[in-house]
N, C-alpha and C. Protein backbone atom coordinates (compact mmCIF):
# COMPACT_ATOMS: atom_id res chain seq x y z
N MET A 1 102.94 75.09 95.20
CA MET A 1 103.56 76.14 96.03
C MET A 1 103.96 75.56 97.42
N SER A 2 105.08 75.86 97.87
CA SER A 2 105.59 75.38 99.26
C SER A 2 104.69 75.75 100.31
N LYS A 3 104.71 75.08 101.36
CA LYS A 3 103.95 75.41 102.55
C LYS A 3 104.22 76.66 103.12
N GLU A 4 105.54 77.03 103.02
CA GLU A 4 106.09 78.30 103.71
C GLU A 4 105.47 79.51 102.86
N LYS A 5 105.50 79.25 101.50
CA LYS A 5 104.93 80.56 100.81
C LYS A 5 103.44 80.57 100.92
N LEU A 6 102.83 79.45 101.07
CA LEU A 6 101.41 79.39 101.27
C LEU A 6 100.97 80.08 102.66
N MET A 7 101.74 79.73 103.64
CA MET A 7 101.58 80.45 104.89
C MET A 7 101.80 81.96 104.87
N ASP A 8 102.86 82.23 104.16
CA ASP A 8 103.11 83.71 103.91
C ASP A 8 102.01 84.53 103.26
N ARG A 9 101.39 83.90 102.21
CA ARG A 9 100.40 84.42 101.42
C ARG A 9 99.15 84.52 102.29
N ALA A 10 98.77 83.55 103.11
CA ALA A 10 97.62 83.57 103.95
C ALA A 10 97.77 84.58 105.03
N ARG A 11 98.99 84.69 105.69
CA ARG A 11 99.20 85.67 106.65
C ARG A 11 99.10 87.05 106.10
N ASP A 12 99.63 87.44 105.05
CA ASP A 12 99.68 88.71 104.36
C ASP A 12 98.14 89.00 104.04
N GLU A 13 97.38 88.14 103.60
CA GLU A 13 95.99 88.29 103.36
C GLU A 13 95.29 88.60 104.65
N LEU A 14 95.56 87.81 105.70
CA LEU A 14 94.88 88.19 106.98
C LEU A 14 95.22 89.55 107.52
N PHE A 15 96.35 90.01 107.43
CA PHE A 15 96.78 91.29 107.77
C PHE A 15 96.06 92.39 106.96
N SER A 16 96.01 92.14 105.62
CA SER A 16 95.33 93.04 104.74
C SER A 16 93.86 93.12 105.22
N HIS A 17 93.17 92.04 105.55
CA HIS A 17 91.72 92.04 105.96
C HIS A 17 91.69 92.79 107.22
N ILE A 18 92.58 92.61 108.17
CA ILE A 18 92.51 93.29 109.44
C ILE A 18 92.62 94.79 109.27
N ASN A 19 93.45 95.29 108.51
CA ASN A 19 93.55 96.76 108.14
C ASN A 19 92.55 97.21 107.37
N ARG A 20 91.81 96.62 106.59
CA ARG A 20 90.77 97.13 105.76
C ARG A 20 89.33 97.11 106.46
N CYS A 21 89.29 96.22 107.46
CA CYS A 21 87.89 96.09 107.98
C CYS A 21 87.67 96.77 109.35
N GLY A 22 88.68 97.47 109.79
CA GLY A 22 88.43 98.27 111.04
C GLY A 22 88.29 97.48 112.19
N VAL A 23 88.63 96.25 112.32
CA VAL A 23 88.61 95.35 113.33
C VAL A 23 89.60 95.94 114.53
N LEU A 24 90.58 96.61 114.31
CA LEU A 24 91.40 97.18 115.27
C LEU A 24 90.70 97.97 116.26
N GLN A 25 89.60 98.67 115.82
CA GLN A 25 88.92 99.61 116.89
C GLN A 25 87.81 98.74 117.47
N ALA A 26 87.46 97.48 117.26
CA ALA A 26 86.46 96.65 117.75
C ALA A 26 86.86 96.31 119.13
N SER A 27 85.75 95.83 119.91
CA SER A 27 85.97 95.26 121.16
C SER A 27 86.71 93.82 121.20
N ALA A 28 87.29 93.58 122.29
CA ALA A 28 88.00 92.14 122.18
C ALA A 28 87.07 90.99 121.82
N ASP A 29 85.79 91.03 122.17
CA ASP A 29 84.90 89.88 121.87
C ASP A 29 84.49 90.07 120.49
N ASP A 30 84.41 91.15 119.83
CA ASP A 30 84.15 91.37 118.40
C ASP A 30 85.40 90.95 117.58
N GLN A 31 86.50 91.24 118.12
CA GLN A 31 87.69 90.80 117.32
C GLN A 31 87.87 89.29 117.32
N ARG A 32 87.47 88.55 118.37
CA ARG A 32 87.62 87.15 118.31
C ARG A 32 86.61 86.60 117.53
N THR A 33 85.34 87.13 117.50
CA THR A 33 84.41 86.61 116.49
C THR A 33 84.78 86.88 115.13
N TRP A 34 85.18 88.11 114.78
CA TRP A 34 85.69 88.34 113.48
C TRP A 34 86.79 87.46 113.09
N MET A 35 87.81 87.20 114.02
CA MET A 35 88.91 86.35 113.59
C MET A 35 88.48 84.96 113.35
N ASP A 36 87.51 84.45 114.14
CA ASP A 36 86.92 83.09 113.84
C ASP A 36 86.45 83.05 112.58
N GLU A 37 85.70 84.03 112.15
CA GLU A 37 85.03 83.98 110.78
C GLU A 37 86.09 84.06 109.67
N THR A 38 87.00 85.07 109.92
CA THR A 38 88.00 85.21 108.88
C THR A 38 88.94 83.95 108.74
N ILE A 39 89.30 83.27 109.74
CA ILE A 39 90.23 82.01 109.77
C ILE A 39 89.30 80.98 109.05
N GLU A 40 88.05 80.91 109.23
CA GLU A 40 87.27 79.99 108.47
C GLU A 40 87.29 80.16 106.97
N TYR A 41 87.26 81.55 106.60
CA TYR A 41 87.38 81.92 105.25
C TYR A 41 88.80 81.58 104.69
N LEU A 42 89.72 81.90 105.38
CA LEU A 42 91.10 81.40 105.01
C LEU A 42 91.34 79.92 104.81
N ALA A 43 90.81 79.20 105.66
CA ALA A 43 90.74 77.67 105.63
C ALA A 43 89.99 77.29 104.28
N GLU A 44 89.06 77.80 103.95
CA GLU A 44 88.40 77.57 102.53
C GLU A 44 89.33 78.00 101.47
N ARG A 45 89.83 79.13 101.59
CA ARG A 45 90.72 79.73 100.48
C ARG A 45 92.14 78.90 100.37
N TYR A 46 92.63 78.42 101.38
CA TYR A 46 93.83 77.73 101.40
C TYR A 46 93.60 76.40 102.04
N PRO A 47 93.04 75.54 101.30
CA PRO A 47 92.64 74.16 101.78
C PRO A 47 93.85 73.31 102.27
N ASP A 48 95.12 73.64 101.69
CA ASP A 48 96.30 72.79 102.05
C ASP A 48 96.92 73.14 103.49
N LEU A 49 96.38 74.18 104.05
CA LEU A 49 96.83 74.50 105.38
C LEU A 49 96.29 73.60 106.46
N ALA A 50 97.18 73.20 107.36
CA ALA A 50 96.79 72.25 108.33
C ALA A 50 95.99 73.15 109.45
N GLU A 51 95.29 72.48 110.44
CA GLU A 51 94.66 73.07 111.47
C GLU A 51 95.65 73.76 112.41
N SER A 52 96.77 73.31 112.49
CA SER A 52 97.87 74.04 113.34
C SER A 52 98.27 75.25 112.66
N ASP A 53 98.37 75.30 111.28
CA ASP A 53 98.66 76.49 110.53
C ASP A 53 97.61 77.56 110.88
N LEU A 54 96.22 77.10 110.69
CA LEU A 54 95.10 78.12 110.92
C LEU A 54 95.19 78.63 112.35
N GLN A 55 95.52 77.74 113.29
CA GLN A 55 95.64 78.24 114.73
C GLN A 55 96.71 79.27 114.85
N GLY A 56 97.76 79.13 114.29
CA GLY A 56 98.90 80.00 114.18
C GLY A 56 98.56 81.32 113.59
N LEU A 57 97.84 81.26 112.46
CA LEU A 57 97.25 82.46 111.90
C LEU A 57 96.32 83.24 112.80
N TYR A 58 95.55 82.58 113.58
CA TYR A 58 94.50 82.99 114.52
C TYR A 58 95.33 83.75 115.57
N GLN A 59 96.39 83.18 116.24
CA GLN A 59 97.12 83.80 117.17
C GLN A 59 97.90 85.01 116.73
N ILE A 60 98.48 84.90 115.66
CA ILE A 60 99.21 86.10 114.94
C ILE A 60 98.22 87.22 114.79
N GLY A 61 96.98 86.83 114.25
CA GLY A 61 95.95 87.92 113.89
C GLY A 61 95.55 88.66 115.30
N ILE A 62 95.19 87.82 116.35
CA ILE A 62 94.75 88.43 117.64
C ILE A 62 95.90 89.32 118.18
N ARG A 63 97.17 88.77 118.14
CA ARG A 63 98.30 89.74 118.61
C ARG A 63 98.39 91.03 117.90
N PHE A 64 98.09 90.86 116.60
CA PHE A 64 98.13 92.00 115.70
C PHE A 64 97.00 93.09 116.00
N CYS A 65 95.87 92.45 116.44
CA CYS A 65 94.87 93.35 116.74
C CYS A 65 95.10 94.14 118.21
N GLN A 66 96.06 93.63 118.94
CA GLN A 66 96.22 94.23 120.27
C GLN A 66 97.65 94.50 120.38
N PRO A 67 98.07 95.62 119.74
CA PRO A 67 99.49 96.04 119.69
C PRO A 67 99.88 96.62 121.01
N ALA A 68 101.22 96.71 121.19
CA ALA A 68 101.80 97.27 122.59
C ALA A 68 101.34 98.65 122.66
N ILE A 69 101.12 99.57 121.73
CA ILE A 69 100.68 100.93 121.90
C ILE A 69 99.21 100.78 121.36
N ALA A 70 98.30 101.01 122.21
CA ALA A 70 96.89 100.93 121.89
C ALA A 70 96.39 101.91 120.92
N HIS A 71 95.40 101.57 120.27
CA HIS A 71 94.80 102.38 119.13
C HIS A 71 93.79 103.27 119.65
N GLY A 72 93.37 104.43 118.99
CA GLY A 72 92.28 105.24 119.35
C GLY A 72 92.53 106.45 120.02
N SER A 73 91.61 107.37 120.01
CA SER A 73 91.82 108.73 120.67
C SER A 73 91.76 108.69 122.14
N ARG A 74 91.19 107.74 122.70
CA ARG A 74 91.20 107.64 124.24
C ARG A 74 92.54 107.22 124.80
N ASN A 75 93.43 106.69 123.96
CA ASN A 75 94.76 106.36 124.36
C ASN A 75 95.90 107.30 123.91
N VAL A 76 95.40 108.51 123.73
CA VAL A 76 96.47 109.49 123.27
C VAL A 76 97.15 109.98 124.47
N VAL A 77 98.51 110.08 124.41
CA VAL A 77 99.33 110.58 125.58
C VAL A 77 99.07 112.00 125.71
N PRO A 78 98.66 112.38 127.02
CA PRO A 78 98.44 113.84 127.16
C PRO A 78 99.60 114.63 126.93
N GLU A 79 99.34 115.92 126.54
CA GLU A 79 100.47 116.86 126.21
C GLU A 79 101.10 117.29 127.53
N LEU A 80 102.40 117.39 127.46
CA LEU A 80 103.18 117.68 128.66
C LEU A 80 103.13 119.28 128.71
N GLU A 81 103.02 119.78 130.03
CA GLU A 81 103.12 121.23 130.15
C GLU A 81 104.52 121.73 129.85
N GLU A 82 104.57 122.80 129.24
CA GLU A 82 105.92 123.42 128.91
C GLU A 82 106.65 123.73 130.29
N THR A 83 107.88 123.31 130.28
CA THR A 83 108.65 123.63 131.54
C THR A 83 109.68 124.59 131.08
N ALA A 84 110.17 125.42 132.03
CA ALA A 84 111.25 126.35 131.79
C ALA A 84 112.61 125.61 131.83
N VAL A 85 113.42 126.13 130.85
CA VAL A 85 114.77 125.39 130.67
C VAL A 85 115.79 126.35 131.59
N ASN A 86 116.41 125.67 132.32
CA ASN A 86 117.41 126.40 133.36
C ASN A 86 118.71 126.70 132.67
């Protein structure tokens, strides 16, 4: 399998784990710990990936866990008061 396909497969698996494990709602410290452990798992699962590839997956995963629009009920936009239309 080509390295690009291997990276794509590992990335897709990482995103799948992130979505299934509830790590999006975890604190930043817990996300980093979880990501460290998950990248170790992916390194065992995909031994042909270089350390730089694994670091890239780590960075992608951390960015995915911290989207531009925050998750959770505390980050809900307050409802606007109705205004009269002139």
